[in-house]
Amino acid sequence: METGIGVAAPPARECPECGAAVPRDERYVEWCEACDWNVDPGAPDPESGRIASVRRRLAQQVVCDGSRQDEVSAELAPARAALARQVIRDFAG
């Protein structure tokens, strides 16, 4: 199929939900602009193997440590405020 300027249009397929034309480009996930079919196709299957498993565990620990950091920060807020007051008194005095 030619467009008007001598460049071939990308191939298309029919949307399984609404029948609209869905352009095909191997670099991108196919999705239907008309009905949003396949807009969020889901995460790819996790990589298999020991190294991939270790990476997933480490990533999960980082996420968990990040949420714990918020809790620790809240617990330390009163101590930080008291320290700030002490520093202000020392410099003002």
Protein backbone atom coordinates (compact mmCIF):
# COMPACT_ATOMS: atom_id res chain seq x y z
CA MET A 1 0.00 0.00 0.00
CA GLU A 2 1.44 3.37 -1.00
CA THR A 3 0.79 6.63 0.83
CA GLY A 4 0.93 9.68 -1.46
CA ILE A 5 4.63 10.37 -1.10
CA GLY A 6 6.15 7.08 -2.21
CA VAL A 7 6.63 5.56 1.25
CA ALA A 8 4.91 2.29 2.05
CA ALA A 9 2.46 2.43 4.95
CA PRO A 10 3.18 -0.03 7.78
CA PRO A 11 1.31 -3.32 7.55
CA ALA A 12 -1.81 -3.57 9.67
CA ARG A 13 -4.01 -6.28 11.13
CA GLU A 14 -7.59 -6.29 12.33
CA CYS A 15 -8.26 -5.60 16.01
CA PRO A 16 -9.74 -8.71 17.66
CA GLU A 17 -12.05 -6.53 19.78
CA CYS A 18 -13.50 -3.93 17.42
CA GLY A 19 -12.20 -4.77 13.94
CA ALA A 20 -10.31 -1.50 13.42
CA ALA A 21 -6.95 -1.51 11.67
CA VAL A 22 -4.02 -2.01 14.07
CA PRO A 23 -0.62 -1.04 12.63
CA ARG A 24 2.09 -3.66 13.01
CA ASP A 25 5.58 -2.62 13.99
CA GLU A 26 7.87 -5.19 15.55
CA ARG A 27 9.55 -2.48 17.65
CA TYR A 28 6.34 -1.76 19.61
CA VAL A 29 3.48 -3.58 21.30
CA GLU A 30 0.43 -3.72 19.07
CA TRP A 31 -2.60 -1.85 20.45
CA CYS A 32 -5.85 -0.55 19.04
CA GLU A 33 -6.28 3.22 19.10
CA ALA A 34 -10.04 2.85 18.58
CA CYS A 35 -10.90 0.62 21.57
CA ASP A 36 -7.64 0.46 23.60
CA TRP A 37 -7.30 -3.29 23.08
CA ASN A 38 -3.88 -4.46 24.36
CA VAL A 39 -2.94 -1.02 25.75
CA ASP A 40 -1.51 -2.69 28.85
CA PRO A 41 -0.58 -6.22 27.79
CA GLY A 42 0.92 -7.06 31.18
CA ALA A 43 4.44 -7.69 32.29
CA PRO A 44 6.56 -10.18 30.38
CA ASP A 45 7.15 -13.56 31.97
CA PRO A 46 10.01 -13.39 34.47
CA GLU A 47 13.38 -14.55 33.24
CA SER A 48 14.26 -18.05 34.41
CA GLY A 49 17.51 -19.16 35.99
CA ARG A 50 19.43 -18.68 39.21
CA ILE A 51 20.92 -15.29 38.34
CA ALA A 52 17.52 -13.89 37.37
CA SER A 53 16.07 -15.24 40.61
CA VAL A 54 18.80 -13.53 42.66
CA ARG A 55 18.19 -10.26 40.79
CA ARG A 56 14.46 -10.43 41.56
CA ARG A 57 15.14 -11.08 45.27
CA LEU A 58 17.61 -8.19 45.46
CA ALA A 59 15.16 -5.87 43.72
CA GLN A 60 12.42 -6.89 46.17
CA GLN A 61 14.73 -6.18 49.12
CA VAL A 62 15.49 -2.71 47.75
CA VAL A 63 11.76 -2.01 47.46
CA CYS A 64 11.12 -3.27 51.00
CA ASP A 65 14.05 -1.29 52.40
CA GLY A 66 12.70 1.85 50.73
CA SER A 67 9.33 1.51 52.43
CA ARG A 68 11.02 0.86 55.78
CA GLN A 69 13.05 4.04 55.29
CA ASP A 70 9.83 6.08 55.47
CA GLU A 71 8.94 4.41 58.79
CA VAL A 72 12.40 5.06 60.25
CA SER A 73 12.27 8.67 59.08
CA ALA A 74 8.94 9.19 60.87
CA GLU A 75 10.32 7.59 64.05
CA LEU A 76 13.36 9.89 64.02
CA ALA A 77 11.46 13.12 63.29
CA PRO A 78 10.99 14.10 66.97
CA ALA A 79 14.68 13.51 67.72
CA ARG A 80 15.70 15.61 64.70
CA ALA A 81 13.39 18.42 65.81
CA ALA A 82 14.86 18.37 69.33
CA LEU A 83 18.39 18.42 67.92
CA ALA A 84 17.51 21.37 65.66
CA ARG A 85 16.11 23.30 68.66
CA GLN A 86 19.30 22.58 70.62
CA VAL A 87 21.51 23.81 67.76
CA ILE A 88 19.45 27.00 67.45
CA ARG A 89 19.74 27.63 71.22
CA ASP A 90 23.50 27.02 71.12
CA PHE A 91 24.05 29.48 68.27
CA ALA A 92 21.62 32.08 69.62
CA GLY A 93 23.02 31.98 73.08
